[in-house]
Amino acid sequence: MRSILIVDDAEDASEPLARYLDKIGYRVRRVPDGREALVQVIAVQPDAVLLDLYMPNMDGPTFLNLVRSYLRLQSLPVVVLTAFPESPLADAARSLNASTVLVKGTATFEDIKTALDAAITGTPASSSGEQNSSR
């Protein structure tokens, strides 16, 4: 069973997605910001992270930069899910080797599942909700 860490401060967005992923067989943990996500990633080592960019305490790119500084986490698959795919934070996430950037409100649950599966297996994926891929 694959494990996913959802990092998003918007519970109304992350909770239904977590239920969907759990229903289709993923182990899902949710945290509201990058600071808590960093603790979870180090302790639990999920198969992939689904990351929002704009959060309190620690934004997505700061989290991703810290994750990439750990040798054992440099290849951790991270899929970004953001409402602002053409922002400086999205550009920063791409430069830090985010697997894919998906657009909130455009990407379906199936698009997100496809992107997570592709990131975990290292295979390319294309979805209607995908803004840009850096791998």
C-alpha atoms as a PDB file:
ATOM      1  CA  MET A   1       0.000   0.000   0.000  1.00  0.00           C
ATOM      2  CA  ARG A   2       1.433   3.353  -1.031  1.00  0.00           C
ATOM      3  CA  SER A   3       1.585   6.177   1.481  1.00  0.00           C
ATOM      4  CA  ILE A   4       0.860   9.788   0.625  1.00  0.00           C
ATOM      5  CA  LEU A   5       1.405  12.896   2.718  1.00  0.00           C
ATOM      6  CA  ILE A   6      -0.989  15.725   1.832  1.00  0.00           C
ATOM      7  CA  VAL A   7       0.364  19.121   2.841  1.00  0.00           C
ATOM      8  CA  ASP A   8      -2.356  21.758   2.590  1.00  0.00           C
ATOM      9  CA  ASP A   9      -3.797  24.277   5.035  1.00  0.00           C
ATOM     10  CA  ALA A  10      -7.175  24.241   3.246  1.00  0.00           C
ATOM     11  CA  GLU A  11      -8.982  21.400   4.988  1.00  0.00           C
ATOM     12  CA  ASP A  12     -12.018  21.805   2.727  1.00  0.00           C
ATOM     13  CA  ALA A  13      -9.798  20.868  -0.225  1.00  0.00           C
ATOM     14  CA  SER A  14      -7.539  18.267   1.364  1.00  0.00           C
ATOM     15  CA  GLU A  15     -10.122  16.301   3.340  1.00  0.00           C
ATOM     16  CA  PRO A  16     -12.238  15.080   0.370  1.00  0.00           C
ATOM     17  CA  LEU A  17      -9.059  14.254  -1.551  1.00  0.00           C
ATOM     18  CA  ALA A  18      -7.707  12.310   1.425  1.00  0.00           C
ATOM     19  CA  ARG A  19     -10.966  10.341   1.640  1.00  0.00           C
ATOM     20  CA  TYR A  20     -10.771   9.541  -2.086  1.00  0.00           C
ATOM     21  CA  LEU A  21      -7.146   8.389  -1.927  1.00  0.00           C
ATOM     22  CA  ASP A  22      -7.864   6.326   1.189  1.00  0.00           C
ATOM     23  CA  LYS A  23     -10.859   4.720  -0.519  1.00  0.00           C
ATOM     24  CA  ILE A  24      -8.736   3.618  -3.491  1.00  0.00           C
ATOM     25  CA  GLY A  25      -6.064   2.069  -1.300  1.00  0.00           C
ATOM     26  CA  TYR A  26      -3.515   4.707  -0.280  1.00  0.00           C
ATOM     27  CA  ARG A  27      -2.412   5.317   3.305  1.00  0.00           C
ATOM     28  CA  VAL A  28      -2.958   9.040   3.726  1.00  0.00           C
ATOM     29  CA  ARG A  29      -1.703  11.530   6.285  1.00  0.00           C
ATOM     30  CA  ARG A  30      -2.608  15.213   6.201  1.00  0.00           C
ATOM     31  CA  VAL A  31      -0.772  18.160   7.705  1.00  0.00           C
ATOM     32  CA  PRO A  32      -1.547  21.884   7.424  1.00  0.00           C
ATOM     33  CA  ASP A  33       1.891  23.352   6.724  1.00  0.00           C
ATOM     34  CA  GLY A  34       5.445  22.693   5.639  1.00  0.00           C
ATOM     35  CA  ARG A  35       6.842  22.657   9.151  1.00  0.00           C
ATOM     36  CA  GLU A  36       4.666  19.724  10.213  1.00  0.00           C
ATOM     37  CA  ALA A  37       5.217  18.098   6.834  1.00  0.00           C
ATOM     38  CA  LEU A  38       8.983  18.135   7.301  1.00  0.00           C
ATOM     39  CA  VAL A  39       8.631  16.294  10.609  1.00  0.00           C
ATOM     40  CA  GLN A  40       6.322  13.708   9.000  1.00  0.00           C
ATOM     41  CA  VAL A  41       8.503  13.195   5.921  1.00  0.00           C
ATOM     42  CA  ILE A  42      11.558  12.521   8.058  1.00  0.00           C
ATOM     43  CA  ALA A  43       9.700  10.252  10.503  1.00  0.00           C
ATOM     44  CA  VAL A  44       7.377   8.362   8.154  1.00  0.00           C
ATOM     45  CA  GLN A  45       9.063   8.567   4.731  1.00  0.00           C
ATOM     46  CA  PRO A  46       5.914   8.495   2.579  1.00  0.00           C
ATOM     47  CA  ASP A  47       6.021   7.239  -1.008  1.00  0.00           C
ATOM     48  CA  ALA A  48       5.030  10.717  -2.242  1.00  0.00           C
ATOM     49  CA  VAL A  49       3.967  14.160  -1.087  1.00  0.00           C
ATOM     50  CA  LEU A  50       1.070  16.186  -2.457  1.00  0.00           C
ATOM     51  CA  LEU A  51       2.062  19.774  -1.720  1.00  0.00           C
ATOM     52  CA  ASP A  52       0.237  23.086  -1.658  1.00  0.00           C
ATOM     53  CA  LEU A  53       2.475  26.126  -2.069  1.00  0.00           C
ATOM     54  CA  TYR A  54       0.836  28.914  -0.066  1.00  0.00           C
ATOM     55  CA  MET A  55       0.634  27.915   3.606  1.00  0.00           C
ATOM     56  CA  PRO A  56       1.325  29.434   7.017  1.00  0.00           C
ATOM     57  CA  ASN A  57       4.497  28.718   9.020  1.00  0.00           C
ATOM     58  CA  MET A  58       6.424  27.292   6.045  1.00  0.00           C
ATOM     59  CA  ASP A  59       5.442  27.562   2.395  1.00  0.00           C
ATOM     60  CA  GLY A  60       5.765  24.774  -0.152  1.00  0.00           C
ATOM     61  CA  PRO A  61       9.078  25.758  -1.770  1.00  0.00           C
ATOM     62  CA  THR A  62      10.758  26.261   1.611  1.00  0.00           C
ATOM     63  CA  PHE A  63       9.584  22.784   2.629  1.00  0.00           C
ATOM     64  CA  LEU A  64      10.740  21.324  -0.680  1.00  0.00           C
ATOM     65  CA  ASN A  65      14.148  23.004  -0.423  1.00  0.00           C
ATOM     66  CA  LEU A  66      14.664  21.526   3.055  1.00  0.00           C
ATOM     67  CA  VAL A  67      13.528  18.081   1.890  1.00  0.00           C
ATOM     68  CA  ARG A  68      15.971  18.189  -1.025  1.00  0.00           C
ATOM     69  CA  SER A  69      18.794  19.030   1.418  1.00  0.00           C
ATOM     70  CA  TYR A  70      18.449  15.561   3.012  1.00  0.00           C
ATOM     71  CA  LEU A  71      20.349  13.040   0.920  1.00  0.00           C
ATOM     72  CA  ARG A  72      17.855  10.243   1.580  1.00  0.00           C
ATOM     73  CA  LEU A  73      14.941  12.501   0.564  1.00  0.00           C
ATOM     74  CA  GLN A  74      16.375  14.076  -2.580  1.00  0.00           C
ATOM     75  CA  SER A  75      14.379  11.793  -4.850  1.00  0.00           C
ATOM     76  CA  LEU A  76      11.139  11.913  -2.822  1.00  0.00           C
ATOM     77  CA  PRO A  77       8.316  12.385  -5.347  1.00  0.00           C
ATOM     78  CA  VAL A  78       6.500  15.663  -4.755  1.00  0.00           C
ATOM     79  CA  VAL A  79       3.400  16.626  -6.722  1.00  0.00           C
ATOM     80  CA  VAL A  80       2.366  20.257  -6.350  1.00  0.00           C
ATOM     81  CA  LEU A  81      -1.323  21.151  -6.259  1.00  0.00           C
ATOM     82  CA  THR A  82      -1.818  24.911  -6.389  1.00  0.00           C
ATOM     83  CA  ALA A  83      -4.305  27.536  -7.463  1.00  0.00           C
ATOM     84  CA  PHE A  84      -1.375  29.653  -8.688  1.00  0.00           C
ATOM     85  CA  PRO A  85       0.625  27.606 -11.223  1.00  0.00           C
ATOM     86  CA  GLU A  86       2.278  30.654 -12.790  1.00  0.00           C
ATOM     87  CA  SER A  87       3.560  32.157  -9.552  1.00  0.00           C
ATOM     88  CA  PRO A  88       7.089  32.625  -8.231  1.00  0.00           C
ATOM     89  CA  LEU A  89       6.410  29.867  -5.676  1.00  0.00           C
ATOM     90  CA  ALA A  90       5.380  27.452  -8.445  1.00  0.00           C
ATOM     91  CA  ASP A  91       8.510  28.347 -10.389  1.00  0.00           C
ATOM     92  CA  ALA A  92      10.576  27.701  -7.258  1.00  0.00           C
ATOM     93  CA  ALA A  93       8.915  24.291  -6.786  1.00  0.00           C
ATOM     94  CA  ARG A  94       9.713  23.373 -10.392  1.00  0.00           C
ATOM     95  CA  SER A  95      13.337  24.387  -9.904  1.00  0.00           C
ATOM     96  CA  LEU A  96      13.455  22.093  -6.849  1.00  0.00           C
ATOM     97  CA  ASN A  97      12.361  19.115  -8.973  1.00  0.00           C
ATOM     98  CA  ALA A  98       8.685  18.913  -8.138  1.00  0.00           C
ATOM     99  CA  SER A  99       7.420  15.969 -10.173  1.00  0.00           C
ATOM    100  CA  THR A 100       4.383  17.802 -11.525  1.00  0.00           C
ATOM    101  CA  VAL A 101       2.445  21.002 -10.926  1.00  0.00           C
ATOM    102  CA  LEU A 102      -1.321  20.518 -10.993  1.00  0.00           C
ATOM    103  CA  VAL A 103      -3.908  23.274 -10.895  1.00  0.00           C
ATOM    104  CA  LYS A 104      -6.458  23.300  -8.069  1.00  0.00           C
ATOM    105  CA  GLY A 105      -9.956  23.488  -9.437  1.00  0.00           C
ATOM    106  CA  THR A 106      -8.857  22.019 -12.771  1.00  0.00           C
ATOM    107  CA  ALA A 107      -7.199  18.762 -11.748  1.00  0.00           C
ATOM    108  CA  THR A 108      -9.643  15.976 -10.941  1.00  0.00           C
ATOM    109  CA  PHE A 109      -9.077  13.388  -8.234  1.00  0.00           C
ATOM    110  CA  GLU A 110      -8.195  10.958 -11.039  1.00  0.00           C
ATOM    111  CA  ASP A 111      -5.654  13.462 -12.438  1.00  0.00           C
ATOM    112  CA  ILE A 112      -4.081  13.713  -8.998  1.00  0.00           C
ATOM    113  CA  LYS A 113      -3.978   9.923  -8.595  1.00  0.00           C
ATOM    114  CA  THR A 114      -2.384   9.597 -12.045  1.00  0.00           C
ATOM    115  CA  ALA A 115       0.254  12.222 -11.207  1.00  0.00           C
ATOM    116  CA  LEU A 116       1.043  10.574  -7.861  1.00  0.00           C
ATOM    117  CA  ASP A 117       1.339   7.127  -9.452  1.00  0.00           C
ATOM    118  CA  ALA A 118       3.594   8.499 -12.196  1.00  0.00           C
ATOM    119  CA  ALA A 119       5.770  10.341  -9.686  1.00  0.00           C
ATOM    120  CA  ILE A 120       6.132   7.250  -7.512  1.00  0.00           C
ATOM    121  CA  THR A 121       6.952   4.923 -10.396  1.00  0.00           C
ATOM    122  CA  GLY A 122       9.046   7.468 -12.284  1.00  0.00           C
ATOM    123  CA  THR A 123       6.937   7.270 -15.426  1.00  0.00           C
ATOM    124  CA  PRO A 124       5.722  10.328 -17.311  1.00  0.00           C
ATOM    125  CA  ALA A 125       2.079  11.268 -16.942  1.00  0.00           C
ATOM    126  CA  SER A 126      -0.048  13.870 -18.590  1.00  0.00           C
ATOM    127  CA  SER A 127      -3.370  15.050 -17.270  1.00  0.00           C
ATOM    128  CA  SER A 128      -5.857  17.779 -18.023  1.00  0.00           C
ATOM    129  CA  GLY A 129      -5.042  19.439 -14.712  1.00  0.00           C
ATOM    130  CA  GLU A 130      -1.297  19.509 -15.322  1.00  0.00           C
ATOM    131  CA  GLN A 131       0.300  22.908 -15.735  1.00  0.00           C
ATOM    132  CA  ASN A 132       3.917  21.948 -16.156  1.00  0.00           C
ATOM    133  CA  SER A 133       6.160  19.016 -15.425  1.00  0.00           C
ATOM    134  CA  SER A 134       9.816  19.346 -14.561  1.00  0.00           C
ATOM    135  CA  ARG A 135      10.819  15.672 -14.940  1.00  0.00           C
END
